[in-house]
Each structure stands twice: as structure tokens, then as C-alpha cells.
Amino acid sequence: MIKFTIIKDPFFNNASLINIEEIEAGKLAVNKGNSGVINIGKQMVADHTQAENELNALAKKQDEILVITLDAEHKKELDILSNLSGKSFDSAYMVNQFLEHKKEIALFSEESKSGIDPQAKTYAGKYLPKWQMHLQMFQDNGAAMETTMDSVKKKK
């Protein structure tokens, strides 16, 4: 008999959701971005696939299975990205990733400091520096985000 349960620590599900969204957005970047965005997308796919595989192995060790699909908010973000092209896509992707990585870092930082599950704390601590490096990469590519950030400000 196969046992299907959702891990009770919300960090696991939230981390899995992040990984899945980053992988899917990265795939879009590989297919739609300019050469710089394609390279970033490839790195996001590789790094978050590795993190997701490790997270699933961790769940399996605990005899539990992560059951995650993207929520409505993340599906909407991916739908918006998928309908863009050229500089609009590049800029929107960079902004999306910048904002997502800020949330990701907050989640992983909190878990690594005060998480209850020791394995989750270790996992969060392991990947936090990588996500911080990703955020820095998006900050360093600020020019690519400028167009979208300016258009967002004008709409308000």
C-alpha cells in the first residue's frame, strides 16, 4: 500500500512551491529570453531542480511525499510571463525573479534560524547562501529591470 501524506511543516511545502515556480519560470526564460536571460534561466532551472530533488529525498526519508501544485498567484505570474516577448519578457522575468528571491530568502532565513525540524533547518541553511547569490545576480542586472519597474510605478 502506498502512503500519501503532506508534510506537516509548512516550510517543506513552501520551499517546494518556490522551487517549482523557479523551475517553470526558468524554463520560460530559456525559451523566450535574450542570451543573458537564457543563461540566468538555465541556472535557475539547475539550482532549483537540485534543491527540489533534495527536498523530495528529505521528505521520502521522513516517509512522506510532497504534494504540490502551483497556487493561483504563481500560475498567474507564469501566465503573464508566457504572454510576453522580447525586452518586455526579459524585464518582467528579472523583476519577477528579484521579488520572488526576496521572499525566498526571508523564508529560508527564518527557517534556518528558528525552524523546528532539524533537517529543514539544515536544508534551509544550505540553500540560503545560494538564493542570496541569485538575488545579488538580479540586483546586478538592474538595467534589465528598469523598464518594468518604471511602468509599474506609472500605473499606480
N, C-alpha and C. Protein backbone atom coordinates (compact mmCIF):
# COMPACT_ATOMS: atom_id res chain seq x y z
N MET A 1 0.84 -1.18 0.00
CA MET A 1 0.00 0.00 0.00
C MET A 1 0.89 1.24 0.00
N ILE A 2 0.56 2.19 -0.87
CA ILE A 2 1.32 3.43 -0.94
C ILE A 2 0.70 4.45 -0.01
N LYS A 3 1.55 5.10 0.74
CA LYS A 3 1.10 6.10 1.71
C LYS A 3 1.35 7.50 1.14
N PHE A 4 0.30 8.29 1.00
CA PHE A 4 0.43 9.67 0.53
C PHE A 4 -0.01 10.61 1.64
N THR A 5 0.92 11.42 2.09
CA THR A 5 0.59 12.44 3.09
C THR A 5 1.33 13.71 2.72
N ILE A 6 0.87 14.79 3.24
CA ILE A 6 1.57 16.06 3.05
C ILE A 6 2.38 16.33 4.31
N ILE A 7 3.62 16.72 4.12
CA ILE A 7 4.47 17.04 5.26
C ILE A 7 3.83 18.17 6.04
N LYS A 8 3.80 18.02 7.34
CA LYS A 8 3.08 18.96 8.18
C LYS A 8 3.82 20.28 8.41
N ASP A 9 5.13 20.28 8.29
CA ASP A 9 5.89 21.52 8.43
C ASP A 9 5.66 22.36 7.19
N PRO A 10 5.03 23.52 7.32
CA PRO A 10 4.72 24.33 6.13
C PRO A 10 5.96 24.76 5.34
N PHE A 11 7.12 24.78 5.98
CA PHE A 11 8.33 25.16 5.26
C PHE A 11 8.56 24.24 4.08
N PHE A 12 8.39 22.94 4.26
CA PHE A 12 8.64 22.00 3.18
C PHE A 12 7.77 22.29 1.97
N ASN A 13 6.48 22.49 2.20
CA ASN A 13 5.58 22.78 1.10
C ASN A 13 5.89 24.13 0.46
N ASN A 14 6.18 25.14 1.28
CA ASN A 14 6.52 26.46 0.75
C ASN A 14 7.80 26.41 -0.06
N ALA A 15 8.80 25.70 0.42
CA ALA A 15 10.07 25.57 -0.31
C ALA A 15 9.85 24.84 -1.63
N SER A 16 9.02 23.80 -1.62
CA SER A 16 8.73 23.07 -2.84
C SER A 16 8.01 23.96 -3.84
N LEU A 17 7.04 24.73 -3.38
CA LEU A 17 6.31 25.66 -4.24
C LEU A 17 7.28 26.64 -4.89
N ILE A 18 8.20 27.17 -4.11
CA ILE A 18 9.21 28.10 -4.63
C ILE A 18 10.04 27.43 -5.71
N ASN A 19 10.52 26.23 -5.42
CA ASN A 19 11.36 25.53 -6.39
C ASN A 19 10.62 25.28 -7.69
N ILE A 20 9.39 24.83 -7.59
CA ILE A 20 8.61 24.53 -8.79
C ILE A 20 8.39 25.79 -9.61
N GLU A 21 8.05 26.90 -8.95
CA GLU A 21 7.83 28.16 -9.68
C GLU A 21 9.11 28.63 -10.33
N GLU A 22 10.22 28.53 -9.62
CA GLU A 22 11.51 28.97 -10.18
C GLU A 22 11.91 28.12 -11.37
N ILE A 23 11.65 26.83 -11.32
CA ILE A 23 11.96 25.93 -12.43
C ILE A 23 11.12 26.30 -13.65
N GLU A 24 9.83 26.48 -13.44
CA GLU A 24 8.94 26.80 -14.57
C GLU A 24 9.26 28.17 -15.17
N ALA A 25 9.51 29.16 -14.34
CA ALA A 25 9.87 30.49 -14.84
C ALA A 25 11.22 30.42 -15.57
N GLY A 26 12.14 29.64 -15.03
CA GLY A 26 13.44 29.47 -15.68
C GLY A 26 13.32 28.84 -17.06
N LYS A 27 12.42 27.88 -17.19
CA LYS A 27 12.19 27.26 -18.50
C LYS A 27 11.65 28.29 -19.49
N LEU A 28 10.76 29.16 -19.03
CA LEU A 28 10.27 30.24 -19.90
C LEU A 28 11.42 31.13 -20.33
N ALA A 29 12.30 31.46 -19.39
CA ALA A 29 13.44 32.33 -19.70
C ALA A 29 14.33 31.69 -20.75
N VAL A 30 14.55 30.39 -20.64
CA VAL A 30 15.39 29.69 -21.61
C VAL A 30 14.76 29.76 -23.00
N ASN A 31 13.44 29.69 -23.08
CA ASN A 31 12.75 29.69 -24.37
C ASN A 31 12.48 31.08 -24.94
N LYS A 32 12.40 32.10 -24.05
CA LYS A 32 11.95 33.41 -24.52
C LYS A 32 12.93 34.55 -24.31
N GLY A 33 13.95 34.33 -23.51
CA GLY A 33 14.83 35.43 -23.13
C GLY A 33 15.95 35.74 -24.10
N ASN A 34 16.61 36.88 -23.86
CA ASN A 34 17.83 37.17 -24.60
C ASN A 34 18.94 36.28 -24.04
N SER A 35 20.13 36.34 -24.60
CA SER A 35 21.18 35.40 -24.20
C SER A 35 21.51 35.48 -22.71
N GLY A 36 21.54 36.68 -22.14
CA GLY A 36 21.81 36.82 -20.71
C GLY A 36 20.71 36.21 -19.86
N VAL A 37 19.48 36.45 -20.25
CA VAL A 37 18.32 35.91 -19.51
C VAL A 37 18.26 34.39 -19.68
N ILE A 38 18.61 33.90 -20.85
CA ILE A 38 18.65 32.45 -21.07
C ILE A 38 19.63 31.80 -20.10
N ASN A 39 20.81 32.39 -19.96
CA ASN A 39 21.81 31.83 -19.04
C ASN A 39 21.31 31.85 -17.60
N ILE A 40 20.67 32.93 -17.20
CA ILE A 40 20.11 33.02 -15.85
C ILE A 40 19.01 31.97 -15.69
N GLY A 41 18.15 31.84 -16.68
CA GLY A 41 17.08 30.84 -16.62
C GLY A 41 17.63 29.43 -16.47
N LYS A 42 18.69 29.12 -17.21
CA LYS A 42 19.32 27.79 -17.09
C LYS A 42 19.84 27.56 -15.68
N GLN A 43 20.44 28.60 -15.10
CA GLN A 43 20.96 28.46 -13.75
C GLN A 43 19.82 28.27 -12.74
N MET A 44 18.72 29.00 -12.92
CA MET A 44 17.57 28.85 -12.02
C MET A 44 17.01 27.43 -12.12
N VAL A 45 16.88 26.91 -13.33
CA VAL A 45 16.36 25.56 -13.52
C VAL A 45 17.29 24.55 -12.83
N ALA A 46 18.59 24.67 -13.07
CA ALA A 46 19.54 23.72 -12.49
C ALA A 46 19.56 23.79 -10.97
N ASP A 47 19.68 24.99 -10.42
CA ASP A 47 19.79 25.14 -8.96
C ASP A 47 18.52 24.73 -8.24
N HIS A 48 17.37 25.13 -8.78
CA HIS A 48 16.11 24.80 -8.09
C HIS A 48 15.69 23.36 -8.32
N THR A 49 16.11 22.76 -9.43
CA THR A 49 15.86 21.33 -9.62
C THR A 49 16.67 20.53 -8.60
N GLN A 50 17.92 20.92 -8.40
CA GLN A 50 18.76 20.26 -7.40
C GLN A 50 18.13 20.41 -6.01
N ALA A 51 17.68 21.62 -5.69
CA ALA A 51 17.07 21.87 -4.38
C ALA A 51 15.77 21.08 -4.22
N GLU A 52 14.96 21.00 -5.28
CA GLU A 52 13.70 20.26 -5.21
C GLU A 52 13.95 18.76 -5.07
N ASN A 53 14.92 18.25 -5.80
CA ASN A 53 15.26 16.83 -5.68
C ASN A 53 15.72 16.49 -4.26
N GLU A 54 16.53 17.36 -3.69
CA GLU A 54 16.99 17.13 -2.32
C GLU A 54 15.83 17.22 -1.33
N LEU A 55 14.94 18.16 -1.56
CA LEU A 55 13.78 18.32 -0.68
C LEU A 55 12.89 17.08 -0.75
N ASN A 56 12.68 16.56 -1.95
CA ASN A 56 11.87 15.34 -2.10
C ASN A 56 12.55 14.14 -1.44
N ALA A 57 13.86 14.05 -1.53
CA ALA A 57 14.59 12.96 -0.87
C ALA A 57 14.45 13.07 0.65
N LEU A 58 14.51 14.29 1.14
CA LEU A 58 14.33 14.54 2.57
C LEU A 58 12.93 14.12 3.01
N ALA A 59 11.94 14.47 2.22
CA ALA A 59 10.56 14.07 2.53
C ALA A 59 10.42 12.55 2.52
N LYS A 60 11.07 11.92 1.56
CA LYS A 60 10.99 10.46 1.46
C LYS A 60 11.61 9.80 2.69
N LYS A 61 12.72 10.35 3.18
CA LYS A 61 13.36 9.81 4.39
C LYS A 61 12.40 9.87 5.58
N GLN A 62 11.54 10.87 5.56
CA GLN A 62 10.57 11.02 6.64
C GLN A 62 9.28 10.25 6.32
N ASP A 63 9.35 9.40 5.28
CA ASP A 63 8.23 8.58 4.86
C ASP A 63 7.01 9.41 4.51
N GLU A 64 7.26 10.56 3.91
CA GLU A 64 6.18 11.44 3.49
C GLU A 64 6.48 11.93 2.08
N ILE A 65 5.44 12.35 1.38
CA ILE A 65 5.58 12.80 0.00
C ILE A 65 5.03 14.22 -0.12
N LEU A 66 5.79 15.06 -0.77
CA LEU A 66 5.31 16.42 -1.05
C LEU A 66 4.30 16.36 -2.19
N VAL A 67 3.15 16.95 -1.96
CA VAL A 67 2.13 17.03 -2.99
C VAL A 67 1.88 18.50 -3.23
N ILE A 68 2.51 19.03 -4.27
CA ILE A 68 2.44 20.47 -4.51
C ILE A 68 2.10 20.74 -5.97
N THR A 69 1.19 21.65 -6.17
CA THR A 69 0.95 22.25 -7.48
C THR A 69 1.04 23.75 -7.27
N LEU A 70 1.30 24.46 -8.33
CA LEU A 70 1.40 25.91 -8.20
C LEU A 70 0.06 26.49 -7.76
N ASP A 71 0.14 27.48 -6.89
CA ASP A 71 -1.07 28.17 -6.46
C ASP A 71 -1.49 29.18 -7.53
N ALA A 72 -2.67 29.77 -7.35
CA ALA A 72 -3.22 30.68 -8.35
C ALA A 72 -2.31 31.88 -8.60
N GLU A 73 -1.70 32.41 -7.56
CA GLU A 73 -0.83 33.57 -7.71
C GLU A 73 0.37 33.25 -8.61
N HIS A 74 1.02 32.12 -8.37
CA HIS A 74 2.19 31.75 -9.17
C HIS A 74 1.80 31.35 -10.59
N LYS A 75 0.64 30.70 -10.75
CA LYS A 75 0.16 30.38 -12.10
C LYS A 75 -0.08 31.65 -12.89
N LYS A 76 -0.67 32.65 -12.23
CA LYS A 76 -0.94 33.92 -12.90
C LYS A 76 0.36 34.60 -13.32
N GLU A 77 1.36 34.60 -12.44
CA GLU A 77 2.66 35.20 -12.77
C GLU A 77 3.28 34.51 -13.98
N LEU A 78 3.21 33.18 -14.02
CA LEU A 78 3.77 32.44 -15.15
C LEU A 78 2.98 32.69 -16.43
N ASP A 79 1.66 32.82 -16.31
CA ASP A 79 0.83 33.12 -17.48
C ASP A 79 1.20 34.49 -18.06
N ILE A 80 1.40 35.46 -17.19
CA ILE A 80 1.78 36.80 -17.64
C ILE A 80 3.12 36.73 -18.37
N LEU A 81 4.09 36.05 -17.77
CA LEU A 81 5.40 35.92 -18.41
C LEU A 81 5.30 35.21 -19.76
N SER A 82 4.49 34.18 -19.82
CA SER A 82 4.40 33.40 -21.06
C SER A 82 3.80 34.19 -22.21
N ASN A 83 3.06 35.25 -21.91
CA ASN A 83 2.44 36.07 -22.95
C ASN A 83 3.32 37.25 -23.38
N LEU A 84 4.50 37.37 -22.80
CA LEU A 84 5.40 38.46 -23.15
C LEU A 84 6.51 37.94 -24.05
N SER A 85 7.18 38.88 -24.71
CA SER A 85 8.33 38.51 -25.54
C SER A 85 9.31 39.68 -25.59
N GLY A 86 10.49 39.41 -26.09
CA GLY A 86 11.50 40.44 -26.27
C GLY A 86 11.90 41.11 -24.97
N LYS A 87 12.15 42.42 -25.05
CA LYS A 87 12.60 43.17 -23.88
C LYS A 87 11.55 43.18 -22.77
N SER A 88 10.29 43.14 -23.15
CA SER A 88 9.22 43.10 -22.13
C SER A 88 9.33 41.83 -21.30
N PHE A 89 9.57 40.71 -21.97
CA PHE A 89 9.73 39.45 -21.23
C PHE A 89 10.95 39.52 -20.33
N ASP A 90 12.09 39.93 -20.92
CA ASP A 90 13.34 39.97 -20.16
C ASP A 90 13.19 40.80 -18.89
N SER A 91 12.61 41.96 -19.04
CA SER A 91 12.45 42.87 -17.90
C SER A 91 11.49 42.29 -16.86
N ALA A 92 10.35 41.79 -17.33
CA ALA A 92 9.36 41.22 -16.40
C ALA A 92 9.92 40.00 -15.68
N TYR A 93 10.66 39.17 -16.39
CA TYR A 93 11.26 37.99 -15.77
C TYR A 93 12.23 38.41 -14.67
N MET A 94 13.08 39.38 -14.97
CA MET A 94 14.08 39.82 -13.99
C MET A 94 13.40 40.40 -12.74
N VAL A 95 12.37 41.20 -12.93
CA VAL A 95 11.65 41.78 -11.79
C VAL A 95 10.97 40.67 -10.98
N ASN A 96 10.30 39.75 -11.68
CA ASN A 96 9.63 38.64 -11.00
C ASN A 96 10.62 37.85 -10.16
N GLN A 97 11.75 37.54 -10.73
CA GLN A 97 12.75 36.75 -10.02
C GLN A 97 13.36 37.51 -8.85
N PHE A 98 13.58 38.79 -9.04
CA PHE A 98 14.09 39.62 -7.94
C PHE A 98 13.12 39.58 -6.76
N LEU A 99 11.85 39.80 -7.03
CA LEU A 99 10.84 39.82 -5.96
C LEU A 99 10.66 38.44 -5.34
N GLU A 100 10.64 37.39 -6.17
CA GLU A 100 10.49 36.03 -5.65
C GLU A 100 11.68 35.64 -4.76
N HIS A 101 12.88 36.02 -5.17
CA HIS A 101 14.05 35.67 -4.37
C HIS A 101 14.09 36.43 -3.05
N LYS A 102 13.53 37.62 -2.99
CA LYS A 102 13.45 38.34 -1.71
C LYS A 102 12.56 37.55 -0.74
N LYS A 103 11.42 37.06 -1.24
CA LYS A 103 10.51 36.25 -0.41
C LYS A 103 11.18 34.94 0.01
N GLU A 104 11.86 34.33 -0.95
CA GLU A 104 12.55 33.06 -0.73
C GLU A 104 13.60 33.19 0.38
N ILE A 105 14.37 34.26 0.32
CA ILE A 105 15.42 34.49 1.31
C ILE A 105 14.81 34.70 2.69
N ALA A 106 13.72 35.42 2.76
CA ALA A 106 13.05 35.62 4.06
C ALA A 106 12.60 34.28 4.64
N LEU A 107 11.99 33.44 3.83
CA LEU A 107 11.52 32.13 4.28
C LEU A 107 12.68 31.25 4.74
N PHE A 108 13.72 31.15 3.92
CA PHE A 108 14.85 30.28 4.24
C PHE A 108 15.65 30.81 5.42
N SER A 109 15.75 32.12 5.53
CA SER A 109 16.47 32.72 6.66
C SER A 109 15.74 32.41 7.97
N GLU A 110 14.44 32.59 7.98
CA GLU A 110 13.64 32.31 9.18
C GLU A 110 13.74 30.84 9.57
N GLU A 111 13.63 29.96 8.58
CA GLU A 111 13.69 28.52 8.86
C GLU A 111 15.07 28.11 9.38
N SER A 112 16.11 28.67 8.78
CA SER A 112 17.46 28.28 9.20
C SER A 112 17.78 28.75 10.62
N LYS A 113 17.10 29.80 11.07
CA LYS A 113 17.34 30.32 12.43
C LYS A 113 16.42 29.68 13.47
N SER A 114 15.15 29.52 13.11
CA SER A 114 14.21 29.11 14.15
C SER A 114 13.29 27.97 13.76
N GLY A 115 13.66 27.21 12.75
CA GLY A 115 12.84 26.07 12.36
C GLY A 115 12.81 24.99 13.43
N ILE A 116 11.74 24.24 13.47
CA ILE A 116 11.56 23.19 14.46
C ILE A 116 12.19 21.88 14.01
N ASP A 117 12.01 21.56 12.73
CA ASP A 117 12.55 20.31 12.18
C ASP A 117 14.03 20.51 11.88
N PRO A 118 14.91 19.71 12.52
CA PRO A 118 16.35 19.90 12.31
C PRO A 118 16.79 19.69 10.86
N GLN A 119 16.14 18.78 10.16
CA GLN A 119 16.50 18.55 8.76
C GLN A 119 16.09 19.74 7.89
N ALA A 120 14.95 20.33 8.19
CA ALA A 120 14.50 21.52 7.45
C ALA A 120 15.44 22.69 7.71
N LYS A 121 15.86 22.84 8.97
CA LYS A 121 16.82 23.91 9.30
C LYS A 121 18.12 23.75 8.53
N THR A 122 18.60 22.54 8.45
CA THR A 122 19.84 22.26 7.73
C THR A 122 19.67 22.55 6.24
N TYR A 123 18.57 22.09 5.68
CA TYR A 123 18.27 22.32 4.26
C TYR A 123 18.20 23.82 3.97
N ALA A 124 17.48 24.55 4.81
CA ALA A 124 17.33 26.00 4.62
C ALA A 124 18.69 26.69 4.72
N GLY A 125 19.49 26.29 5.69
CA GLY A 125 20.81 26.88 5.85
C GLY A 125 21.74 26.58 4.69
N LYS A 126 21.57 25.41 4.10
CA LYS A 126 22.40 25.01 2.96
C LYS A 126 22.08 25.86 1.73
N TYR A 127 20.79 26.10 1.47
CA TYR A 127 20.39 26.79 0.24
C TYR A 127 20.29 28.30 0.39
N LEU A 128 20.21 28.82 1.60
CA LEU A 128 20.12 30.27 1.80
C LEU A 128 21.23 31.03 1.08
N PRO A 129 22.50 30.65 1.22
CA PRO A 129 23.56 31.41 0.52
C PRO A 129 23.40 31.39 -1.01
N LYS A 130 22.91 30.29 -1.54
CA LYS A 130 22.70 30.20 -2.99
C LYS A 130 21.60 31.15 -3.43
N TRP A 131 20.51 31.21 -2.65
CA TRP A 131 19.41 32.11 -3.01
C TRP A 131 19.86 33.57 -2.85
N GLN A 132 20.70 33.84 -1.87
CA GLN A 132 21.24 35.19 -1.72
C GLN A 132 22.12 35.55 -2.91
N MET A 133 22.88 34.59 -3.41
CA MET A 133 23.69 34.82 -4.60
C MET A 133 22.79 35.10 -5.81
N HIS A 134 21.69 34.38 -5.93
CA HIS A 134 20.74 34.63 -7.00
C HIS A 134 20.21 36.06 -6.91
N LEU A 135 19.79 36.47 -5.72
CA LEU A 135 19.26 37.82 -5.54
C LEU A 135 20.28 38.85 -5.97
N GLN A 136 21.52 38.66 -5.57
CA GLN A 136 22.58 39.59 -5.95
C GLN A 136 22.73 39.64 -7.47
N MET A 137 22.59 38.50 -8.11
CA MET A 137 22.68 38.45 -9.57
C MET A 137 21.57 39.29 -10.20
N PHE A 138 20.36 39.21 -9.65
CA PHE A 138 19.26 40.01 -10.19
C PHE A 138 19.48 41.50 -9.89
N GLN A 139 20.00 41.82 -8.72
CA GLN A 139 20.30 43.21 -8.39
C GLN A 139 21.37 43.76 -9.33
N ASP A 140 22.36 42.95 -9.65
CA ASP A 140 23.44 43.38 -10.54
C ASP A 140 22.96 43.62 -11.97
N ASN A 141 21.83 43.05 -12.31
CA ASN A 141 21.24 43.24 -13.64
C ASN A 141 20.10 44.23 -13.58
N GLY A 142 20.25 45.25 -12.77
CA GLY A 142 19.20 46.24 -12.55
C GLY A 142 18.70 46.92 -13.80
N ALA A 143 19.55 47.14 -14.78
CA ALA A 143 19.12 47.81 -16.01
C ALA A 143 18.03 47.02 -16.71
N ALA A 144 18.10 45.70 -16.64
CA ALA A 144 17.09 44.87 -17.28
C ALA A 144 15.74 45.00 -16.59
N MET A 145 15.76 45.39 -15.33
CA MET A 145 14.50 45.52 -14.58
C MET A 145 13.90 46.91 -14.69
N GLU A 146 14.70 47.89 -15.07
CA GLU A 146 14.28 49.29 -15.03
C GLU A 146 12.98 49.55 -15.78
N THR A 147 12.86 49.06 -16.98
CA THR A 147 11.69 49.31 -17.81
C THR A 147 10.42 48.85 -17.10
N THR A 148 10.44 47.65 -16.57
CA THR A 148 9.25 47.13 -15.91
C THR A 148 8.96 47.88 -14.61
N MET A 149 9.98 48.16 -13.83
CA MET A 149 9.76 48.86 -12.57
C MET A 149 9.18 50.25 -12.84
N ASP A 150 9.68 50.93 -13.87
CA ASP A 150 9.16 52.25 -14.22
C ASP A 150 7.70 52.15 -14.67
N SER A 151 7.35 51.15 -15.46
CA SER A 151 5.98 51.02 -15.93
C SER A 151 5.04 50.65 -14.79
N VAL A 152 5.52 49.89 -13.81
CA VAL A 152 4.71 49.56 -12.64
C VAL A 152 4.43 50.81 -11.83
N LYS A 153 5.44 51.66 -11.64
CA LYS A 153 5.27 52.89 -10.89
C LYS A 153 4.29 53.83 -11.58
N LYS A 154 4.33 53.92 -12.91
CA LYS A 154 3.47 54.83 -13.65
C LYS A 154 2.00 54.40 -13.56
N LYS A 155 1.74 53.10 -13.43
CA LYS A 155 0.37 52.59 -13.35
C LYS A 155 -0.30 52.89 -12.03
N LYS A 156 0.52 53.16 -11.00
CA LYS A 156 -0.05 53.37 -9.65
C LYS A 156 -0.61 54.76 -9.51
